[in-house]
Amino acid sequence: MVKLITSLIDKFLYPKFGPGQMWEKVAETVSNKGTQLHLNHKVIKLKTMNCTPGFGQLRSK
């Protein structure tokens, strides 16, 4: 039987307060760089330019 490798890492240190802790840090980092975050919105449309996100259309819940 051949062992299938499913990960390139041997171990992962999970955040003490769960994955939300990582996303809070991401939100803080991008907000500090001037990016607007729209939480609790549904994405209606997303346009890309050369495979890079350009802009999106949102609707609040």
PDB file of N, CA and C in Angstrom:
ATOM      1  N   MET A   1       0.846  -1.184   0.000  1.00  0.00           N
ATOM      2  CA  MET A   1       0.000   0.000   0.000  1.00  0.00           C
ATOM      3  C   MET A   1       0.889   1.245   0.000  1.00  0.00           C
ATOM      4  N   VAL A   2       0.557   2.220  -0.846  1.00  0.00           N
ATOM      5  CA  VAL A   2       1.315   3.461  -0.958  1.00  0.00           C
ATOM      6  C   VAL A   2       0.689   4.503  -0.046  1.00  0.00           C
ATOM      7  N   LYS A   3       1.537   5.174   0.751  1.00  0.00           N
ATOM      8  CA  LYS A   3       1.040   6.228   1.638  1.00  0.00           C
ATOM      9  C   LYS A   3       0.881   7.518   0.834  1.00  0.00           C
ATOM     10  N   LEU A   4      -0.300   8.082   0.854  1.00  0.00           N
ATOM     11  CA  LEU A   4      -0.593   9.322   0.142  1.00  0.00           C
ATOM     12  C   LEU A   4      -0.290  10.511   1.044  1.00  0.00           C
ATOM     13  N   ILE A   5       0.584  11.400   0.583  1.00  0.00           N
ATOM     14  CA  ILE A   5       0.920  12.601   1.349  1.00  0.00           C
ATOM     15  C   ILE A   5      -0.113  13.670   1.025  1.00  0.00           C
ATOM     16  N   THR A   6      -0.795  14.169   2.045  1.00  0.00           N
ATOM     17  CA  THR A   6      -1.855  15.159   1.822  1.00  0.00           C
ATOM     18  C   THR A   6      -1.479  16.544   2.318  1.00  0.00           C
ATOM     19  N   SER A   7      -0.303  16.689   2.907  1.00  0.00           N
ATOM     20  CA  SER A   7       0.119  17.980   3.438  1.00  0.00           C
ATOM     21  C   SER A   7       1.627  18.117   3.304  1.00  0.00           C
ATOM     22  N   LEU A   8       2.084  19.335   3.142  1.00  0.00           N
ATOM     23  CA  LEU A   8       3.520  19.587   3.061  1.00  0.00           C
ATOM     24  C   LEU A   8       4.106  19.953   4.414  1.00  0.00           C
ATOM     25  N   ILE A   9       3.275  20.006   5.450  1.00  0.00           N
ATOM     26  CA  ILE A   9       3.760  20.338   6.790  1.00  0.00           C
ATOM     27  C   ILE A   9       3.542  19.156   7.721  1.00  0.00           C
ATOM     28  N   ASP A  10       4.397  19.051   8.722  1.00  0.00           N
ATOM     29  CA  ASP A  10       4.286  17.950   9.675  1.00  0.00           C
ATOM     30  C   ASP A  10       3.328  18.264  10.814  1.00  0.00           C
ATOM     31  N   LYS A  11       3.267  19.543  11.217  1.00  0.00           N
ATOM     32  CA  LYS A  11       2.335  19.911  12.277  1.00  0.00           C
ATOM     33  C   LYS A  11       1.897  21.354  12.093  1.00  0.00           C
ATOM     34  N   PHE A  12       0.780  21.679  12.685  1.00  0.00           N
ATOM     35  CA  PHE A  12       0.204  23.015  12.574  1.00  0.00           C
ATOM     36  C   PHE A  12      -0.203  23.461  13.966  1.00  0.00           C
ATOM     37  N   LEU A  13       0.254  24.629  14.362  1.00  0.00           N
ATOM     38  CA  LEU A  13      -0.106  25.170  15.672  1.00  0.00           C
ATOM     39  C   LEU A  13      -1.398  25.969  15.527  1.00  0.00           C
ATOM     40  N   TYR A  14      -2.486  25.391  15.981  1.00  0.00           N
ATOM     41  CA  TYR A  14      -3.804  25.995  15.860  1.00  0.00           C
ATOM     42  C   TYR A  14      -3.906  27.185  16.806  1.00  0.00           C
ATOM     43  N   PRO A  15      -4.483  28.308  16.370  1.00  0.00           N
ATOM     44  CA  PRO A  15      -4.614  29.475  17.249  1.00  0.00           C
ATOM     45  C   PRO A  15      -5.393  29.140  18.520  1.00  0.00           C
ATOM     46  N   LYS A  16      -4.973  29.718  19.610  1.00  0.00           N
ATOM     47  CA  LYS A  16      -5.589  29.454  20.911  1.00  0.00           C
ATOM     48  C   LYS A  16      -7.100  29.685  20.893  1.00  0.00           C
ATOM     49  N   PHE A  17      -7.546  30.730  20.196  1.00  0.00           N
ATOM     50  CA  PHE A  17      -8.969  31.079  20.180  1.00  0.00           C
ATOM     51  C   PHE A  17      -9.653  30.695  18.862  1.00  0.00           C
ATOM     52  N   GLY A  18      -9.072  29.770  18.111  1.00  0.00           N
ATOM     53  CA  GLY A  18      -9.688  29.264  16.892  1.00  0.00           C
ATOM     54  C   GLY A  18      -9.320  30.056  15.647  1.00  0.00           C
ATOM     55  N   PRO A  19      -9.847  29.638  14.479  1.00  0.00           N
ATOM     56  CA  PRO A  19      -9.494  30.272  13.216  1.00  0.00           C
ATOM     57  C   PRO A  19      -9.963  31.720  13.105  1.00  0.00           C
ATOM     58  N   GLY A  20     -10.988  32.092  13.859  1.00  0.00           N
ATOM     59  CA  GLY A  20     -11.450  33.482  13.839  1.00  0.00           C
ATOM     60  C   GLY A  20     -10.357  34.441  14.269  1.00  0.00           C
ATOM     61  N   GLN A  21      -9.467  33.969  15.131  1.00  0.00           N
ATOM     62  CA  GLN A  21      -8.346  34.795  15.593  1.00  0.00           C
ATOM     63  C   GLN A  21      -7.452  35.175  14.411  1.00  0.00           C
ATOM     64  N   MET A  22      -7.242  34.238  13.475  1.00  0.00           N
ATOM     65  CA  MET A  22      -6.422  34.540  12.293  1.00  0.00           C
ATOM     66  C   MET A  22      -7.115  35.572  11.415  1.00  0.00           C
ATOM     67  N   TRP A  23      -8.428  35.396  11.197  1.00  0.00           N
ATOM     68  CA  TRP A  23      -9.151  36.314  10.322  1.00  0.00           C
ATOM     69  C   TRP A  23      -9.270  37.707  10.927  1.00  0.00           C
ATOM     70  N   GLU A  24      -9.335  37.795  12.258  1.00  0.00           N
ATOM     71  CA  GLU A  24      -9.329  39.109  12.907  1.00  0.00           C
ATOM     72  C   GLU A  24      -8.007  39.817  12.647  1.00  0.00           C
ATOM     73  N   LYS A  25      -6.906  39.087  12.672  1.00  0.00           N
ATOM     74  CA  LYS A  25      -5.589  39.671  12.401  1.00  0.00           C
ATOM     75  C   LYS A  25      -5.483  40.097  10.938  1.00  0.00           C
ATOM     76  N   VAL A  26      -6.009  39.277  10.026  1.00  0.00           N
ATOM     77  CA  VAL A  26      -6.020  39.641   8.607  1.00  0.00           C
ATOM     78  C   VAL A  26      -6.824  40.922   8.408  1.00  0.00           C
ATOM     79  N   ALA A  27      -8.005  41.005   9.027  1.00  0.00           N
ATOM     80  CA  ALA A  27      -8.852  42.197   8.910  1.00  0.00           C
ATOM     81  C   ALA A  27      -8.127  43.426   9.440  1.00  0.00           C
ATOM     82  N   GLU A  28      -7.459  43.287  10.567  1.00  0.00           N
ATOM     83  CA  GLU A  28      -6.707  44.405  11.153  1.00  0.00           C
ATOM     84  C   GLU A  28      -5.585  44.853  10.217  1.00  0.00           C
ATOM     85  N   THR A  29      -4.868  43.890   9.656  1.00  0.00           N
ATOM     86  CA  THR A  29      -3.737  44.205   8.777  1.00  0.00           C
ATOM     87  C   THR A  29      -4.187  44.926   7.517  1.00  0.00           C
ATOM     88  N   VAL A  30      -5.219  44.410   6.833  1.00  0.00           N
ATOM     89  CA  VAL A  30      -5.654  45.050   5.592  1.00  0.00           C
ATOM     90  C   VAL A  30      -6.346  46.379   5.858  1.00  0.00           C
ATOM     91  N   SER A  31      -7.043  46.508   6.973  1.00  0.00           N
ATOM     92  CA  SER A  31      -7.667  47.791   7.330  1.00  0.00           C
ATOM     93  C   SER A  31      -6.611  48.855   7.571  1.00  0.00           C
ATOM     94  N   ASN A  32      -5.527  48.475   8.229  1.00  0.00           N
ATOM     95  CA  ASN A  32      -4.433  49.418   8.478  1.00  0.00           C
ATOM     96  C   ASN A  32      -3.765  49.870   7.190  1.00  0.00           C
ATOM     97  N   LYS A  33      -3.932  49.096   6.112  1.00  0.00           N
ATOM     98  CA  LYS A  33      -3.354  49.453   4.814  1.00  0.00           C
ATOM     99  C   LYS A  33      -4.357  50.195   3.938  1.00  0.00           C
ATOM    100  N   GLY A  34      -5.528  50.529   4.503  1.00  0.00           N
ATOM    101  CA  GLY A  34      -6.502  51.338   3.777  1.00  0.00           C
ATOM    102  C   GLY A  34      -7.592  50.570   3.051  1.00  0.00           C
ATOM    103  N   THR A  35      -7.633  49.273   3.198  1.00  0.00           N
ATOM    104  CA  THR A  35      -8.663  48.473   2.542  1.00  0.00           C
ATOM    105  C   THR A  35      -9.965  48.562   3.321  1.00  0.00           C
ATOM    106  N   GLN A  36     -11.082  48.752   2.612  1.00  0.00           N
ATOM    107  CA  GLN A  36     -12.394  48.778   3.255  1.00  0.00           C
ATOM    108  C   GLN A  36     -12.917  47.354   3.377  1.00  0.00           C
ATOM    109  N   LEU A  37     -13.371  46.993   4.554  1.00  0.00           N
ATOM    110  CA  LEU A  37     -13.991  45.688   4.768  1.00  0.00           C
ATOM    111  C   LEU A  37     -15.486  45.886   4.975  1.00  0.00           C
ATOM    112  N   HIS A  38     -16.279  45.092   4.296  1.00  0.00           N
ATOM    113  CA  HIS A  38     -17.733  45.150   4.424  1.00  0.00           C
ATOM    114  C   HIS A  38     -18.192  43.827   5.024  1.00  0.00           C
ATOM    115  N   LEU A  39     -18.401  43.812   6.326  1.00  0.00           N
ATOM    116  CA  LEU A  39     -18.829  42.597   7.008  1.00  0.00           C
ATOM    117  C   LEU A  39     -20.341  42.455   6.939  1.00  0.00           C
ATOM    118  N   ASN A  40     -20.826  41.230   7.022  1.00  0.00           N
ATOM    119  CA  ASN A  40     -22.262  40.924   6.997  1.00  0.00           C
ATOM    120  C   ASN A  40     -22.947  41.424   5.734  1.00  0.00           C
ATOM    121  N   HIS A  41     -22.278  41.268   4.598  1.00  0.00           N
ATOM    122  CA  HIS A  41     -22.831  41.615   3.300  1.00  0.00           C
ATOM    123  C   HIS A  41     -22.769  40.382   2.401  1.00  0.00           C
ATOM    124  N   LYS A  42     -23.671  40.310   1.444  1.00  0.00           N
ATOM    125  CA  LYS A  42     -23.663  39.241   0.457  1.00  0.00           C
ATOM    126  C   LYS A  42     -23.026  39.783  -0.820  1.00  0.00           C
ATOM    127  N   VAL A  43     -22.094  39.031  -1.403  1.00  0.00           N
ATOM    128  CA  VAL A  43     -21.459  39.436  -2.656  1.00  0.00           C
ATOM    129  C   VAL A  43     -22.411  39.098  -3.793  1.00  0.00           C
ATOM    130  N   ILE A  44     -22.773  40.113  -4.576  1.00  0.00           N
ATOM    131  CA  ILE A  44     -23.683  39.942  -5.708  1.00  0.00           C
ATOM    132  C   ILE A  44     -22.881  39.724  -6.985  1.00  0.00           C
ATOM    133  N   LYS A  45     -21.794  40.476  -7.133  1.00  0.00           N
ATOM    134  CA  LYS A  45     -20.995  40.418  -8.349  1.00  0.00           C
ATOM    135  C   LYS A  45     -19.549  40.726  -7.992  1.00  0.00           C
ATOM    136  N   LEU A  46     -18.619  40.051  -8.663  1.00  0.00           N
ATOM    137  CA  LEU A  46     -17.201  40.308  -8.462  1.00  0.00           C
ATOM    138  C   LEU A  46     -16.545  40.366  -9.821  1.00  0.00           C
ATOM    139  N   LYS A  47     -15.909  41.479 -10.126  1.00  0.00           N
ATOM    140  CA  LYS A  47     -15.227  41.635 -11.407  1.00  0.00           C
ATOM    141  C   LYS A  47     -13.728  41.551 -11.183  1.00  0.00           C
ATOM    142  N   THR A  48     -13.043  40.944 -12.146  1.00  0.00           N
ATOM    143  CA  THR A  48     -11.589  40.834 -12.065  1.00  0.00           C
ATOM    144  C   THR A  48     -10.945  41.521 -13.254  1.00  0.00           C
ATOM    145  N   MET A  49      -9.707  41.906 -13.062  1.00  0.00           N
ATOM    146  CA  MET A  49      -8.912  42.507 -14.128  1.00  0.00           C
ATOM    147  C   MET A  49      -7.590  41.754 -14.160  1.00  0.00           C
ATOM    148  N   ASN A  50      -7.327  41.025 -15.248  1.00  0.00           N
ATOM    149  CA  ASN A  50      -6.105  40.225 -15.375  1.00  0.00           C
ATOM    150  C   ASN A  50      -5.954  39.264 -14.201  1.00  0.00           C
ATOM    151  N   CYS A  51      -7.014  38.571 -13.862  1.00  0.00           N
ATOM    152  CA  CYS A  51      -7.046  37.578 -12.771  1.00  0.00           C
ATOM    153  C   CYS A  51      -6.826  38.188 -11.393  1.00  0.00           C
ATOM    154  N   THR A  52      -6.976  39.496 -11.261  1.00  0.00           N
ATOM    155  CA  THR A  52      -6.847  40.176  -9.976  1.00  0.00           C
ATOM    156  C   THR A  52      -8.203  40.786  -9.631  1.00  0.00           C
ATOM    157  N   PRO A  53      -8.678  40.613  -8.401  1.00  0.00           N
ATOM    158  CA  PRO A  53      -9.959  41.225  -8.042  1.00  0.00           C
ATOM    159  C   PRO A  53      -9.952  42.723  -8.305  1.00  0.00           C
ATOM    160  N   GLY A  54     -10.971  43.201  -8.981  1.00  0.00           N
ATOM    161  CA  GLY A  54     -11.078  44.622  -9.270  1.00  0.00           C
ATOM    162  C   GLY A  54     -12.039  45.296  -8.312  1.00  0.00           C
ATOM    163  N   PHE A  55     -13.321  44.946  -8.406  1.00  0.00           N
ATOM    164  CA  PHE A  55     -14.310  45.503  -7.490  1.00  0.00           C
ATOM    165  C   PHE A  55     -15.480  44.543  -7.389  1.00  0.00           C
ATOM    166  N   GLY A  56     -16.281  44.736  -6.380  1.00  0.00           N
ATOM    167  CA  GLY A  56     -17.437  43.877  -6.186  1.00  0.00           C
ATOM    168  C   GLY A  56     -18.677  44.684  -5.908  1.00  0.00           C
ATOM    169  N   GLN A  57     -19.803  44.054  -6.097  1.00  0.00           N
ATOM    170  CA  GLN A  57     -21.093  44.660  -5.773  1.00  0.00           C
ATOM    171  C   GLN A  57     -21.655  43.896  -4.587  1.00  0.00           C
ATOM    172  N   LEU A  58     -22.046  44.622  -3.547  1.00  0.00           N
ATOM    173  CA  LEU A  58     -22.502  44.011  -2.305  1.00  0.00           C
ATOM    174  C   LEU A  58     -23.942  44.373  -2.003  1.00  0.00           C
ATOM    175  N   ARG A  59     -24.560  43.533  -1.183  1.00  0.00           N
ATOM    176  CA  ARG A  59     -25.887  43.837  -0.658  1.00  0.00           C
ATOM    177  C   ARG A  59     -25.853  43.496   0.827  1.00  0.00           C
ATOM    178  N   SER A  60     -26.280  44.434   1.661  1.00  0.00           N
ATOM    179  CA  SER A  60     -26.292  44.160   3.098  1.00  0.00           C
ATOM    180  C   SER A  60     -27.392  43.164   3.414  1.00  0.00           C
ATOM    181  N   LYS A  61     -27.188  42.398   4.479  1.00  0.00           N
ATOM    182  CA  LYS A  61     -28.173  41.375   4.859  1.00  0.00           C
ATOM    183  C   LYS A  61     -29.377  41.995   5.512  1.00  0.00           C
TER     184      LYS A  61
END
